Amino acid sequence: MACEFPDDSVVEQLAKLYSVFGDTTRIKILFALAVEDEMNVGDLSNAVGMTQSAVSHQLMILRNVSLVKTRREGRQIFYSLCDDHVYTLLKTGMEHVRE
């Protein structure tokens, strides 16, 4: 498999992205959003079995690396995966660990 060696800034960004996947709570949040498409903090809190405060903290981390985006509806904020690449990362990772 041929691959072009990336420069240091790209390697650093990639390492930061993959480090986010090192937390089980964040992975659960991403899978919940993959299944439901869009959820608020309360729904995510119930889905992953954590407090809303803890989920909000993890969502901030996910937003900082552009894995999750938001949409406001009145006073509610809804979260969803940024794009299909996020789902592809989850899916590919699951295929790898299940082999």
Protein backbone atom coordinates (compact mmCIF):
# COMPACT_ATOMS: atom_id res chain seq x y z
CA MET A 1 0.00 0.00 0.00
CA ALA A 2 1.55 3.30 -1.11
CA CYS A 3 1.18 6.30 1.16
CA GLU A 4 2.57 9.82 1.13
CA PHE A 5 4.36 10.73 4.36
CA PRO A 6 2.54 13.73 5.93
CA ASP A 7 4.26 16.78 7.38
CA ASP A 8 4.54 17.27 11.14
CA SER A 9 1.51 19.56 11.50
CA VAL A 10 -0.75 16.97 9.85
CA VAL A 11 0.70 14.22 12.04
CA GLU A 12 0.01 16.33 15.16
CA GLN A 13 -3.59 17.00 14.08
CA LEU A 14 -4.14 13.30 13.36
CA ALA A 15 -2.69 12.30 16.73
CA LYS A 16 -5.00 14.79 18.47
CA LEU A 17 -7.99 13.42 16.57
CA TYR A 18 -7.20 9.81 17.41
CA SER A 19 -6.50 10.62 21.07
CA VAL A 20 -10.16 11.63 21.39
CA PHE A 21 -11.10 8.04 20.59
CA GLY A 22 -9.16 6.90 23.68
CA ASP A 23 -12.11 7.59 25.98
CA THR A 24 -15.03 5.14 26.24
CA THR A 25 -17.54 7.86 27.09
CA ARG A 26 -16.72 9.81 23.96
CA ILE A 27 -17.01 6.68 21.84
CA LYS A 28 -20.42 5.93 23.40
CA ILE A 29 -21.56 9.48 22.65
CA LEU A 30 -20.42 9.17 19.03
CA PHE A 31 -22.23 5.84 18.61
CA ALA A 32 -25.38 7.27 20.19
CA LEU A 33 -25.28 10.12 17.68
CA ALA A 34 -24.62 7.69 14.84
CA VAL A 35 -27.74 5.72 15.80
CA GLU A 36 -30.06 8.65 16.57
CA ASP A 37 -28.64 11.27 14.17
CA GLU A 38 -29.33 14.14 16.58
CA MET A 39 -29.70 14.35 20.37
CA ASN A 40 -29.69 16.91 23.15
CA VAL A 41 -27.52 16.65 26.27
CA GLY A 42 -30.34 15.12 28.35
CA ASP A 43 -30.94 12.36 25.83
CA LEU A 44 -27.22 11.70 25.47
CA SER A 45 -26.86 11.60 29.24
CA ASN A 46 -29.53 8.90 29.44
CA ALA A 47 -28.02 6.99 26.53
CA VAL A 48 -24.53 6.78 28.02
CA GLY A 49 -25.53 6.66 31.69
CA MET A 50 -23.65 9.76 32.84
CA THR A 51 -24.55 13.15 34.25
CA GLN A 52 -25.39 15.97 31.89
CA SER A 53 -22.38 17.89 33.17
CA ALA A 54 -20.02 15.02 32.31
CA VAL A 55 -21.60 14.58 28.88
CA SER A 56 -21.37 18.32 28.19
CA HIS A 57 -17.67 18.26 29.00
CA GLN A 58 -17.10 15.37 26.57
CA LEU A 59 -19.17 17.10 23.88
CA MET A 60 -16.94 20.16 24.17
CA ILE A 61 -13.90 17.96 23.47
CA LEU A 62 -15.66 16.32 20.51
CA ARG A 63 -16.60 19.74 19.12
CA ASN A 64 -13.02 20.99 19.46
CA VAL A 65 -11.78 18.30 17.06
CA SER A 66 -14.76 18.74 14.69
CA LEU A 67 -16.35 15.34 15.32
CA VAL A 68 -19.63 16.80 16.59
CA LYS A 69 -21.64 19.83 15.49
CA THR A 70 -24.56 21.68 17.06
CA ARG A 71 -27.93 23.05 16.02
CA ARG A 72 -29.98 25.38 18.18
CA GLU A 73 -33.76 25.17 18.33
CA GLY A 74 -35.07 27.77 20.75
CA ARG A 75 -33.31 27.08 24.05
CA GLN A 76 -32.37 23.53 23.10
CA ILE A 77 -29.05 22.58 21.56
CA PHE A 78 -28.95 19.42 19.48
CA TYR A 79 -25.76 17.53 18.72
CA SER A 80 -24.94 15.41 15.69
CA LEU A 81 -21.91 13.93 13.96
CA CYS A 82 -20.10 16.49 11.81
CA ASP A 83 -20.09 14.34 8.69
CA ASP A 84 -19.97 10.82 7.31
CA HIS A 85 -16.23 10.59 7.97
CA VAL A 86 -16.90 10.35 11.71
CA TYR A 87 -19.20 7.38 11.18
CA THR A 88 -16.62 5.82 8.84
CA LEU A 89 -13.95 6.11 11.56
CA LEU A 90 -16.26 4.39 14.07
CA LYS A 91 -17.30 1.70 11.62
CA THR A 92 -13.74 0.98 10.48
CA GLY A 93 -12.54 0.79 14.08
CA MET A 94 -15.32 -1.66 14.94
CA GLU A 95 -14.47 -3.82 11.94
CA HIS A 96 -10.83 -3.88 13.02
CA VAL A 97 -11.48 -4.90 16.63
CA ARG A 98 -13.99 -7.57 15.59
CA GLU A 99 -11.50 -9.32 13.24
